[in-house]
Amino acid sequence: MKILGIGNAIVDVICKVDEKFIKQNNLTKGTMKLIIDDKEFQSLLSSLKIEKTVSGGSVANSIVGLSQLGNEVGFIGKVCDDNLGNKYEEGLNSENVEYFYKKKKEDLPTGTCLILVTPDSERTMCTYLGIAGKINENDVNGDVIKRSEMIFLEGYLWDEGEPKKAFEKAINCAHKVAMSLSDQFCVDRHKSHFLDLVKNKLDITFANEQEMMSLIDAKDFDDVVDFGKSLKKLLVITRGNKGAVSINGDEVIQNGIEKNLDVKDLTGAGDLFAAGFLHGSLNNLSMLESLNKGKEMSSKVIQQIGARL
């Protein structure tokens, strides 16, 4: 198998909202808020019109993108044996993703992410992790990991306790490890742990500019480039309208963005960028070709609603 994703198995529920809804619910536009209480989540959802429901989760989106590009892929993520859990598994199977998890009845339901899309196409996420956040080392099959050329992890999955043990088992069994830092709030919560992972455990790190600057307390982007050069591992950073940059030792490669796109929804832009880049990396494309494949995939996904092509 080319690549195995391990991440939060989340069903995406996509809704269009206005700026007022974001303010009224004390949300920070463009970020992800974790909701602990199922009742709070249902209360938010009750006043909204659902546009689309998709099997999601950041790494799962990337893995589906890699499958669509013709790679042999798999995914591990925890769901409950409930209606949404069944839909989740069906969604992966329909995209030729091998799902390495046997679902069962759990105390918590399958995780759900409410994706609120404002008129400027920005997305604000409210995530109720449910059983997804309870992944443990027994859920991670070491033999499956050893049969994969690379594993791909997400920062959203990392947490103290059982998820951390699952992470460590996965990394220890893997031939090569890639990870997305996921979200600036995520980086701020787990800064010292993420810095250790980036420096000592990961072969490829994906981040956006804000996440990377927060991780290393950078004053400007030059600090990020200097850090990347000293790392001697592959660092891939998306920079919004400035394109993306890959740093591998002294090799710094940049690309631009596609112009004149009909942007409808930025959900999944980073996930599909990672899919395109990893496709290039797994199939021996050059750094610039890999960056451009990432740009091609992210450009396609932002011209539609939802995080899947």
C-alpha atoms as a PDB file:
ATOM      1  CA  MET A   1       0.000   0.000   0.000  1.00  0.00           C
ATOM      2  CA  LYS A   2       1.279   3.465  -0.869  1.00  0.00           C
ATOM      3  CA  ILE A   3      -0.097   5.382   2.109  1.00  0.00           C
ATOM      4  CA  LEU A   4      -2.200   4.795   5.222  1.00  0.00           C
ATOM      5  CA  GLY A   5      -4.021   7.722   6.813  1.00  0.00           C
ATOM      6  CA  ILE A   6      -4.759   7.751  10.539  1.00  0.00           C
ATOM      7  CA  GLY A   7      -7.113  10.492  11.658  1.00  0.00           C
ATOM      8  CA  ASN A   8     -10.398  11.594  13.133  1.00  0.00           C
ATOM      9  CA  ALA A   9     -13.292   9.843  11.396  1.00  0.00           C
ATOM     10  CA  ILE A  10     -15.740  12.723  11.186  1.00  0.00           C
ATOM     11  CA  VAL A  11     -18.929  13.165   9.184  1.00  0.00           C
ATOM     12  CA  ASP A  12     -18.930  16.665   7.654  1.00  0.00           C
ATOM     13  CA  VAL A  13     -22.226  18.553   7.767  1.00  0.00           C
ATOM     14  CA  ILE A  14     -21.963  21.604   5.485  1.00  0.00           C
ATOM     15  CA  CYS A  15     -24.222  24.650   5.980  1.00  0.00           C
ATOM     16  CA  LYS A  16     -24.234  28.171   4.531  1.00  0.00           C
ATOM     17  CA  VAL A  17     -24.450  30.983   7.109  1.00  0.00           C
ATOM     18  CA  ASP A  18     -24.080  34.757   7.245  1.00  0.00           C
ATOM     19  CA  GLU A  19     -21.476  36.728   9.225  1.00  0.00           C
ATOM     20  CA  LYS A  20     -24.111  37.466  11.893  1.00  0.00           C
ATOM     21  CA  PHE A  21     -24.464  33.763  12.748  1.00  0.00           C
ATOM     22  CA  ILE A  22     -20.696  33.512  13.382  1.00  0.00           C
ATOM     23  CA  LYS A  23     -20.751  36.537  15.727  1.00  0.00           C
ATOM     24  CA  GLN A  24     -23.950  35.520  17.553  1.00  0.00           C
ATOM     25  CA  ASN A  25     -22.426  32.139  18.411  1.00  0.00           C
ATOM     26  CA  ASN A  26     -19.089  33.616  19.541  1.00  0.00           C
ATOM     27  CA  LEU A  27     -17.141  31.750  16.847  1.00  0.00           C
ATOM     28  CA  THR A  28     -13.811  32.852  15.372  1.00  0.00           C
ATOM     29  CA  LYS A  29     -14.145  32.861  11.598  1.00  0.00           C
ATOM     30  CA  GLY A  30     -11.769  30.529   9.748  1.00  0.00           C
ATOM     31  CA  THR A  31     -10.904  28.370  12.763  1.00  0.00           C
ATOM     32  CA  MET A  32     -12.089  25.097  14.274  1.00  0.00           C
ATOM     33  CA  LYS A  33     -13.851  25.029  17.656  1.00  0.00           C
ATOM     34  CA  LEU A  34     -14.068  21.778  19.599  1.00  0.00           C
ATOM     35  CA  ILE A  35     -17.492  21.241  21.151  1.00  0.00           C
ATOM     36  CA  ILE A  36     -17.524  18.919  24.149  1.00  0.00           C
ATOM     37  CA  ASP A  37     -21.264  18.706  24.718  1.00  0.00           C
ATOM     38  CA  ASP A  38     -23.496  16.907  22.200  1.00  0.00           C
ATOM     39  CA  LYS A  39     -26.474  19.092  23.281  1.00  0.00           C
ATOM     40  CA  GLU A  40     -24.568  22.297  22.414  1.00  0.00           C
ATOM     41  CA  PHE A  41     -23.736  20.803  19.015  1.00  0.00           C
ATOM     42  CA  GLN A  42     -27.359  19.798  18.321  1.00  0.00           C
ATOM     43  CA  SER A  43     -28.515  23.266  19.379  1.00  0.00           C
ATOM     44  CA  LEU A  44     -26.215  24.887  16.799  1.00  0.00           C
ATOM     45  CA  LEU A  45     -27.325  22.470  14.106  1.00  0.00           C
ATOM     46  CA  SER A  46     -31.059  22.822  14.814  1.00  0.00           C
ATOM     47  CA  SER A  47     -31.333  26.331  13.312  1.00  0.00           C
ATOM     48  CA  LEU A  48     -29.437  25.529  10.106  1.00  0.00           C
ATOM     49  CA  LYS A  49     -30.243  24.179   6.660  1.00  0.00           C
ATOM     50  CA  ILE A  50     -27.895  21.332   5.697  1.00  0.00           C
ATOM     51  CA  GLU A  51     -26.388  21.691   2.211  1.00  0.00           C
ATOM     52  CA  LYS A  52     -24.412  18.452   2.129  1.00  0.00           C
ATOM     53  CA  THR A  53     -23.279  15.542   4.342  1.00  0.00           C
ATOM     54  CA  VAL A  54     -19.944  13.833   3.548  1.00  0.00           C
ATOM     55  CA  SER A  55     -17.596  11.330   5.242  1.00  0.00           C
ATOM     56  CA  GLY A  56     -14.837  13.690   6.300  1.00  0.00           C
ATOM     57  CA  GLY A  57     -11.965  14.385   8.617  1.00  0.00           C
ATOM     58  CA  SER A  58      -8.831  16.153   7.437  1.00  0.00           C
ATOM     59  CA  VAL A  59      -6.595  13.142   6.737  1.00  0.00           C
ATOM     60  CA  ALA A  60      -9.506  11.100   5.338  1.00  0.00           C
ATOM     61  CA  ASN A  61     -10.100  13.899   2.796  1.00  0.00           C
ATOM     62  CA  SER A  62      -6.439  13.735   1.770  1.00  0.00           C
ATOM     63  CA  ILE A  63      -6.530   9.933   1.512  1.00  0.00           C
ATOM     64  CA  VAL A  64      -9.611  10.064  -0.741  1.00  0.00           C
ATOM     65  CA  GLY A  65      -7.788  12.601  -2.934  1.00  0.00           C
ATOM     66  CA  LEU A  66      -4.795  10.233  -3.153  1.00  0.00           C
ATOM     67  CA  SER A  67      -7.129   7.379  -4.110  1.00  0.00           C
ATOM     68  CA  GLN A  68      -8.668   9.529  -6.854  1.00  0.00           C
ATOM     69  CA  LEU A  69      -5.146  10.079  -8.204  1.00  0.00           C
ATOM     70  CA  GLY A  70      -4.727   6.308  -8.549  1.00  0.00           C
ATOM     71  CA  ASN A  71      -2.790   5.431  -5.395  1.00  0.00           C
ATOM     72  CA  GLU A  72      -3.471   2.343  -3.268  1.00  0.00           C
ATOM     73  CA  VAL A  73      -4.572   3.786   0.083  1.00  0.00           C
ATOM     74  CA  GLY A  74      -6.058   2.891   3.454  1.00  0.00           C
ATOM     75  CA  PHE A  75      -7.465   4.674   6.485  1.00  0.00           C
ATOM     76  CA  ILE A  76      -7.821   4.067  10.230  1.00  0.00           C
ATOM     77  CA  GLY A  77     -10.333   6.159  12.173  1.00  0.00           C
ATOM     78  CA  LYS A  78     -12.757   5.356  14.984  1.00  0.00           C
ATOM     79  CA  VAL A  79     -16.531   5.418  14.454  1.00  0.00           C
ATOM     80  CA  CYS A  80     -19.497   3.967  16.307  1.00  0.00           C
ATOM     81  CA  ASP A  81     -21.726   1.263  14.831  1.00  0.00           C
ATOM     82  CA  ASP A  82     -24.534   3.775  14.264  1.00  0.00           C
ATOM     83  CA  ASN A  83     -26.194   5.399  11.251  1.00  0.00           C
ATOM     84  CA  LEU A  84     -23.453   7.964  10.675  1.00  0.00           C
ATOM     85  CA  GLY A  85     -20.765   5.330  11.288  1.00  0.00           C
ATOM     86  CA  ASN A  86     -22.278   3.128   8.581  1.00  0.00           C
ATOM     87  CA  LYS A  87     -22.465   6.097   6.204  1.00  0.00           C
ATOM     88  CA  TYR A  88     -18.864   6.918   6.981  1.00  0.00           C
ATOM     89  CA  GLU A  89     -17.620   3.440   6.062  1.00  0.00           C
ATOM     90  CA  GLU A  90     -19.763   3.368   2.900  1.00  0.00           C
ATOM     91  CA  GLY A  91     -18.341   6.747   1.876  1.00  0.00           C
ATOM     92  CA  LEU A  92     -14.745   5.493   2.125  1.00  0.00           C
ATOM     93  CA  ASN A  93     -15.475   2.206   0.353  1.00  0.00           C
ATOM     94  CA  SER A  94     -17.105   4.069  -2.537  1.00  0.00           C
ATOM     95  CA  GLU A  95     -13.828   5.970  -3.010  1.00  0.00           C
ATOM     96  CA  ASN A  96     -11.667   2.790  -3.072  1.00  0.00           C
ATOM     97  CA  VAL A  97     -10.200   3.492   0.359  1.00  0.00           C
ATOM     98  CA  GLU A  98      -9.553   0.358   2.401  1.00  0.00           C
ATOM     99  CA  TYR A  99     -10.966   0.970   5.874  1.00  0.00           C
ATOM    100  CA  PHE A 100      -8.909  -0.781   8.553  1.00  0.00           C
ATOM    101  CA  TYR A 101     -11.303  -0.439  11.480  1.00  0.00           C
ATOM    102  CA  LYS A 102     -14.046  -2.741  12.762  1.00  0.00           C
ATOM    103  CA  LYS A 103     -16.807  -0.595  14.202  1.00  0.00           C
ATOM    104  CA  LYS A 104     -18.853  -1.619  17.232  1.00  0.00           C
ATOM    105  CA  LYS A 105     -21.481  -0.111  19.529  1.00  0.00           C
ATOM    106  CA  GLU A 106     -19.851   2.609  21.652  1.00  0.00           C
ATOM    107  CA  ASP A 107     -20.841   4.911  24.519  1.00  0.00           C
ATOM    108  CA  LEU A 108     -20.349   7.916  22.224  1.00  0.00           C
ATOM    109  CA  PRO A 109     -21.725   8.509  18.701  1.00  0.00           C
ATOM    110  CA  THR A 110     -19.725   8.901  15.493  1.00  0.00           C
ATOM    111  CA  GLY A 111     -17.959  12.266  15.343  1.00  0.00           C
ATOM    112  CA  THR A 112     -19.480  15.161  13.411  1.00  0.00           C
ATOM    113  CA  CYS A 113     -18.076  18.437  12.073  1.00  0.00           C
ATOM    114  CA  LEU A 114     -20.375  21.342  11.362  1.00  0.00           C
ATOM    115  CA  ILE A 115     -18.792  23.360   8.517  1.00  0.00           C
ATOM    116  CA  LEU A 116     -20.207  26.877   8.357  1.00  0.00           C
ATOM    117  CA  VAL A 117     -19.538  28.588   5.033  1.00  0.00           C
ATOM    118  CA  THR A 118     -19.875  32.390   4.982  1.00  0.00           C
ATOM    119  CA  PRO A 119     -20.534  34.422   1.779  1.00  0.00           C
ATOM    120  CA  ASP A 120     -16.769  35.095   1.377  1.00  0.00           C
ATOM    121  CA  SER A 121     -16.270  31.277   1.036  1.00  0.00           C
ATOM    122  CA  GLU A 122     -14.381  31.076   4.336  1.00  0.00           C
ATOM    123  CA  ARG A 123     -15.236  28.082   6.499  1.00  0.00           C
ATOM    124  CA  THR A 124     -15.607  27.986  10.265  1.00  0.00           C
ATOM    125  CA  MET A 125     -15.801  24.560  11.869  1.00  0.00           C
ATOM    126  CA  CYS A 126     -17.486  23.287  15.015  1.00  0.00           C
ATOM    127  CA  THR A 127     -16.415  19.740  15.760  1.00  0.00           C
ATOM    128  CA  TYR A 128     -18.011  17.249  18.108  1.00  0.00           C
ATOM    129  CA  LEU A 129     -15.459  14.442  18.147  1.00  0.00           C
ATOM    130  CA  GLY A 130     -17.682  11.795  19.696  1.00  0.00           C
ATOM    131  CA  ILE A 131     -15.943   8.415  19.600  1.00  0.00           C
ATOM    132  CA  ALA A 132     -13.365   9.637  17.030  1.00  0.00           C
ATOM    133  CA  GLY A 133     -11.413  11.372  19.790  1.00  0.00           C
ATOM    134  CA  LYS A 134     -11.172   8.157  21.827  1.00  0.00           C
ATOM    135  CA  ILE A 135      -8.856   6.324  19.431  1.00  0.00           C
ATOM    136  CA  ASN A 136      -6.340   4.143  21.269  1.00  0.00           C
ATOM    137  CA  GLU A 137      -3.337   1.955  20.460  1.00  0.00           C
ATOM    138  CA  ASN A 138      -5.526  -1.150  20.079  1.00  0.00           C
ATOM    139  CA  ASP A 139      -7.348   0.588  17.206  1.00  0.00           C
ATOM    140  CA  VAL A 140      -4.073   0.973  15.283  1.00  0.00           C
ATOM    141  CA  ASN A 141      -2.945  -2.164  13.434  1.00  0.00           C
ATOM    142  CA  GLY A 142       0.863  -2.298  13.439  1.00  0.00           C
ATOM    143  CA  ASP A 143       1.008  -4.883  10.642  1.00  0.00           C
ATOM    144  CA  VAL A 144      -1.061  -2.672   8.330  1.00  0.00           C
ATOM    145  CA  ILE A 145       1.261   0.260   9.076  1.00  0.00           C
ATOM    146  CA  LYS A 146       4.339  -1.856   8.269  1.00  0.00           C
ATOM    147  CA  ARG A 147       2.794  -2.773   4.895  1.00  0.00           C
ATOM    148  CA  SER A 148       2.462   0.918   3.969  1.00  0.00           C
ATOM    149  CA  GLU A 149       5.202   3.012   2.382  1.00  0.00           C
ATOM    150  CA  MET A 150       4.099   6.003   4.455  1.00  0.00           C
ATOM    151  CA  ILE A 151       1.574   6.997   7.112  1.00  0.00           C
ATOM    152  CA  PHE A 152      -0.169  10.365   7.233  1.00  0.00           C
ATOM    153  CA  LEU A 153      -1.335  11.779  10.586  1.00  0.00           C
ATOM    154  CA  GLU A 154      -3.244  14.910  11.619  1.00  0.00           C
ATOM    155  CA  GLY A 155      -2.651  17.319  14.485  1.00  0.00           C
ATOM    156  CA  TYR A 156      -6.386  17.251  15.249  1.00  0.00           C
ATOM    157  CA  LEU A 157      -5.974  13.630  16.379  1.00  0.00           C
ATOM    158  CA  TRP A 158      -3.206  14.314  18.885  1.00  0.00           C
ATOM    159  CA  ASP A 159      -4.230  14.547  22.513  1.00  0.00           C
ATOM    160  CA  GLU A 160      -2.905  13.434  25.879  1.00  0.00           C
ATOM    161  CA  GLY A 161      -3.715   9.889  26.995  1.00  0.00           C
ATOM    162  CA  GLU A 162      -4.988   7.205  24.618  1.00  0.00           C
ATOM    163  CA  PRO A 163      -4.712   9.187  21.334  1.00  0.00           C
ATOM    164  CA  LYS A 164      -1.071  10.010  22.168  1.00  0.00           C
ATOM    165  CA  LYS A 165      -0.345   6.289  22.668  1.00  0.00           C
ATOM    166  CA  ALA A 166      -2.026   5.512  19.327  1.00  0.00           C
ATOM    167  CA  PHE A 167       0.137   8.189  17.671  1.00  0.00           C
ATOM    168  CA  GLU A 168       3.332   6.811  19.203  1.00  0.00           C
ATOM    169  CA  LYS A 169       2.536   3.226  18.187  1.00  0.00           C
ATOM    170  CA  ALA A 170       1.816   4.346  14.619  1.00  0.00           C
ATOM    171  CA  ILE A 171       5.062   6.338  14.364  1.00  0.00           C
ATOM    172  CA  ASN A 172       7.137   3.509  15.849  1.00  0.00           C
ATOM    173  CA  CYS A 173       5.751   0.996  13.308  1.00  0.00           C
ATOM    174  CA  ALA A 174       6.013   3.272  10.262  1.00  0.00           C
ATOM    175  CA  HIS A 175       8.636   3.388   7.514  1.00  0.00           C
ATOM    176  CA  LYS A 176       7.973   7.067   6.819  1.00  0.00           C
ATOM    177  CA  VAL A 177       5.740   9.592   8.606  1.00  0.00           C
ATOM    178  CA  ALA A 178       3.950  12.675   7.267  1.00  0.00           C
ATOM    179  CA  MET A 179       1.719  14.897   9.394  1.00  0.00           C
ATOM    180  CA  SER A 180      -0.411  18.011   9.063  1.00  0.00           C
ATOM    181  CA  LEU A 181      -0.356  20.477  11.979  1.00  0.00           C
ATOM    182  CA  SER A 182      -4.088  20.987  11.223  1.00  0.00           C
ATOM    183  CA  ASP A 183      -5.016  24.254  12.931  1.00  0.00           C
ATOM    184  CA  GLN A 184      -3.387  27.182  14.764  1.00  0.00           C
ATOM    185  CA  PHE A 185      -5.432  26.564  17.940  1.00  0.00           C
ATOM    186  CA  CYS A 186      -4.216  22.958  17.784  1.00  0.00           C
ATOM    187  CA  VAL A 187      -0.604  24.153  17.524  1.00  0.00           C
ATOM    188  CA  ASP A 188      -1.055  26.576  20.427  1.00  0.00           C
ATOM    189  CA  ARG A 189      -2.534  23.832  22.638  1.00  0.00           C
ATOM    190  CA  HIS A 190       0.211  21.294  21.938  1.00  0.00           C
ATOM    191  CA  LYS A 191       3.183  23.477  20.981  1.00  0.00           C
ATOM    192  CA  SER A 192       5.996  21.654  22.791  1.00  0.00           C
ATOM    193  CA  HIS A 193       4.755  18.212  21.690  1.00  0.00           C
ATOM    194  CA  PHE A 194       4.295  19.297  18.063  1.00  0.00           C
ATOM    195  CA  LEU A 195       7.753  20.905  17.996  1.00  0.00           C
ATOM    196  CA  ASP A 196       9.256  17.642  19.225  1.00  0.00           C
ATOM    197  CA  LEU A 197       7.368  15.707  16.533  1.00  0.00           C
ATOM    198  CA  VAL A 198       8.475  18.085  13.765  1.00  0.00           C
ATOM    199  CA  LYS A 199      12.108  18.044  14.869  1.00  0.00           C
ATOM    200  CA  ASN A 200      12.501  14.374  15.767  1.00  0.00           C
ATOM    201  CA  LYS A 201       9.715  12.111  14.456  1.00  0.00           C
ATOM    202  CA  LEU A 202       8.282  13.388  11.173  1.00  0.00           C
ATOM    203  CA  ASP A 203       9.719  13.021   7.669  1.00  0.00           C
ATOM    204  CA  ILE A 204       7.239  15.473   6.105  1.00  0.00           C
ATOM    205  CA  THR A 205       5.386  18.264   7.929  1.00  0.00           C
ATOM    206  CA  PHE A 206       2.468  20.160   6.356  1.00  0.00           C
ATOM    207  CA  ALA A 207       1.400  23.500   7.845  1.00  0.00           C
ATOM    208  CA  ASN A 208       0.045  26.848   6.814  1.00  0.00           C
ATOM    209  CA  GLU A 209       2.055  29.992   7.435  1.00  0.00           C
ATOM    210  CA  GLN A 210       0.210  30.981  10.634  1.00  0.00           C
ATOM    211  CA  GLU A 211       0.567  27.496  12.169  1.00  0.00           C
ATOM    212  CA  MET A 212       4.284  27.367  11.435  1.00  0.00           C
ATOM    213  CA  MET A 213       4.963  30.866  12.748  1.00  0.00           C
ATOM    214  CA  SER A 214       3.046  30.043  15.918  1.00  0.00           C
ATOM    215  CA  LEU A 215       4.932  26.758  16.373  1.00  0.00           C
ATOM    216  CA  ILE A 216       8.367  28.379  16.382  1.00  0.00           C
ATOM    217  CA  ASP A 217       7.320  31.861  17.641  1.00  0.00           C
ATOM    218  CA  ALA A 218       8.574  33.411  14.391  1.00  0.00           C
ATOM    219  CA  LYS A 219       8.662  37.182  13.863  1.00  0.00           C
ATOM    220  CA  ASP A 220       8.414  36.853  10.078  1.00  0.00           C
ATOM    221  CA  PHE A 221       8.502  34.246   7.322  1.00  0.00           C
ATOM    222  CA  ASP A 222      12.300  34.448   7.042  1.00  0.00           C
ATOM    223  CA  ASP A 223      12.427  32.827  10.504  1.00  0.00           C
ATOM    224  CA  VAL A 224      10.319  29.965   9.151  1.00  0.00           C
ATOM    225  CA  VAL A 225      12.647  29.471   6.181  1.00  0.00           C
ATOM    226  CA  ASP A 226      15.698  29.469   8.479  1.00  0.00           C
ATOM    227  CA  PHE A 227      14.028  26.917  10.758  1.00  0.00           C
ATOM    228  CA  GLY A 228      13.122  24.748   7.754  1.00  0.00           C
ATOM    229  CA  LYS A 229      16.695  24.789   6.467  1.00  0.00           C
ATOM    230  CA  SER A 230      18.076  23.779   9.865  1.00  0.00           C
ATOM    231  CA  LEU A 231      15.520  20.958  10.189  1.00  0.00           C
ATOM    232  CA  LYS A 232      17.034  18.811   7.388  1.00  0.00           C
ATOM    233  CA  LYS A 233      13.583  17.278   6.854  1.00  0.00           C
ATOM    234  CA  LEU A 234      10.825  18.187   4.432  1.00  0.00           C
ATOM    235  CA  LEU A 235       8.631  21.101   5.461  1.00  0.00           C
ATOM    236  CA  VAL A 236       5.706  22.090   3.203  1.00  0.00           C
ATOM    237  CA  ILE A 237       3.964  25.391   3.936  1.00  0.00           C
ATOM    238  CA  THR A 238       0.884  26.882   2.294  1.00  0.00           C
ATOM    239  CA  ARG A 239       0.747  30.687   2.226  1.00  0.00           C
ATOM    240  CA  GLY A 240      -2.746  31.557   0.968  1.00  0.00           C
ATOM    241  CA  ASN A 241      -2.537  33.953  -1.981  1.00  0.00           C
ATOM    242  CA  LYS A 242       1.266  33.671  -1.967  1.00  0.00           C
ATOM    243  CA  GLY A 243       1.162  30.027  -3.029  1.00  0.00           C
ATOM    244  CA  ALA A 244       3.211  27.374  -1.248  1.00  0.00           C
ATOM    245  CA  VAL A 245       6.826  26.617  -0.406  1.00  0.00           C
ATOM    246  CA  SER A 246       8.737  23.410   0.271  1.00  0.00           C
ATOM    247  CA  ILE A 247      11.933  23.494   2.334  1.00  0.00           C
ATOM    248  CA  ASN A 248      14.284  20.528   2.389  1.00  0.00           C
ATOM    249  CA  GLY A 249      17.679  21.513   3.796  1.00  0.00           C
ATOM    250  CA  ASP A 250      18.981  24.334   1.610  1.00  0.00           C
ATOM    251  CA  GLU A 251      16.527  23.515  -1.194  1.00  0.00           C
ATOM    252  CA  VAL A 252      13.690  26.070  -1.055  1.00  0.00           C
ATOM    253  CA  ILE A 253      11.073  25.767  -3.823  1.00  0.00           C
ATOM    254  CA  GLN A 254       8.073  28.082  -4.263  1.00  0.00           C
ATOM    255  CA  ASN A 255       5.067  28.127  -6.535  1.00  0.00           C
ATOM    256  CA  GLY A 256       2.231  30.580  -7.099  1.00  0.00           C
ATOM    257  CA  ILE A 257      -1.552  30.228  -7.116  1.00  0.00           C
ATOM    258  CA  GLU A 258      -4.097  29.627  -9.864  1.00  0.00           C
ATOM    259  CA  LYS A 259      -5.733  32.869 -11.001  1.00  0.00           C
ATOM    260  CA  ASN A 260      -9.376  33.652 -11.863  1.00  0.00           C
ATOM    261  CA  LEU A 261     -10.940  30.767  -9.943  1.00  0.00           C
ATOM    262  CA  ASP A 262     -14.647  30.684  -9.096  1.00  0.00           C
ATOM    263  CA  VAL A 263     -14.110  30.161  -5.359  1.00  0.00           C
ATOM    264  CA  LYS A 264     -17.167  28.720  -3.599  1.00  0.00           C
ATOM    265  CA  ASP A 265     -15.852  27.069  -0.419  1.00  0.00           C
ATOM    266  CA  LEU A 266     -12.343  26.841   1.075  1.00  0.00           C
ATOM    267  CA  THR A 267     -13.193  23.629   2.971  1.00  0.00           C
ATOM    268  CA  GLY A 268     -10.631  20.970   2.172  1.00  0.00           C
ATOM    269  CA  ALA A 269      -8.158  23.264   0.388  1.00  0.00           C
ATOM    270  CA  GLY A 270      -5.282  22.233   2.672  1.00  0.00           C
ATOM    271  CA  ASP A 271      -6.363  18.575   2.706  1.00  0.00           C
ATOM    272  CA  LEU A 272      -6.399  18.327  -1.095  1.00  0.00           C
ATOM    273  CA  PHE A 273      -3.167  20.291  -1.381  1.00  0.00           C
ATOM    274  CA  ALA A 274      -1.545  17.662   0.881  1.00  0.00           C
ATOM    275  CA  ALA A 275      -3.047  14.893  -1.278  1.00  0.00           C
ATOM    276  CA  GLY A 276      -1.533  16.358  -4.435  1.00  0.00           C
ATOM    277  CA  PHE A 277       1.864  16.934  -2.854  1.00  0.00           C
ATOM    278  CA  LEU A 278       1.994  13.456  -1.282  1.00  0.00           C
ATOM    279  CA  HIS A 279       1.026  11.927  -4.634  1.00  0.00           C
ATOM    280  CA  GLY A 280       4.083  13.635  -6.103  1.00  0.00           C
ATOM    281  CA  SER A 281       6.316  12.540  -3.240  1.00  0.00           C
ATOM    282  CA  LEU A 282       5.146   8.900  -3.402  1.00  0.00           C
ATOM    283  CA  ASN A 283       5.551   8.767  -7.187  1.00  0.00           C
ATOM    284  CA  ASN A 284       8.998  10.376  -7.424  1.00  0.00           C
ATOM    285  CA  LEU A 285       7.944  13.730  -8.893  1.00  0.00           C
ATOM    286  CA  SER A 286      10.183  16.749  -8.304  1.00  0.00           C
ATOM    287  CA  MET A 287       9.470  19.198  -5.479  1.00  0.00           C
ATOM    288  CA  LEU A 288       8.060  21.770  -7.893  1.00  0.00           C
ATOM    289  CA  GLU A 289       5.904  19.150  -9.639  1.00  0.00           C
ATOM    290  CA  SER A 290       4.619  17.997  -6.238  1.00  0.00           C
ATOM    291  CA  LEU A 291       3.790  21.574  -5.191  1.00  0.00           C
ATOM    292  CA  ASN A 292       1.990  22.109  -8.489  1.00  0.00           C
ATOM    293  CA  LYS A 293       0.008  18.879  -8.065  1.00  0.00           C
ATOM    294  CA  GLY A 294      -1.052  20.160  -4.653  1.00  0.00           C
ATOM    295  CA  LYS A 295      -2.062  23.487  -6.210  1.00  0.00           C
ATOM    296  CA  GLU A 296      -4.052  21.701  -8.925  1.00  0.00           C
ATOM    297  CA  MET A 297      -6.008  19.614  -6.399  1.00  0.00           C
ATOM    298  CA  SER A 298      -6.719  22.480  -3.993  1.00  0.00           C
ATOM    299  CA  SER A 299      -7.757  24.762  -6.887  1.00  0.00           C
ATOM    300  CA  LYS A 300     -10.346  22.194  -7.975  1.00  0.00           C
ATOM    301  CA  VAL A 301     -11.861  21.610  -4.523  1.00  0.00           C
ATOM    302  CA  ILE A 302     -12.363  25.291  -3.649  1.00  0.00           C
ATOM    303  CA  GLN A 303     -14.547  25.762  -6.737  1.00  0.00           C
ATOM    304  CA  GLN A 304     -17.227  23.483  -5.288  1.00  0.00           C
ATOM    305  CA  ILE A 305     -19.030  22.949  -1.978  1.00  0.00           C
ATOM    306  CA  GLY A 306     -17.368  20.372   0.293  1.00  0.00           C
ATOM    307  CA  ALA A 307     -13.928  18.828   0.782  1.00  0.00           C
ATOM    308  CA  ARG A 308     -14.117  15.991  -1.752  1.00  0.00           C
ATOM    309  CA  LEU A 309     -13.662  16.060  -5.531  1.00  0.00           C
END
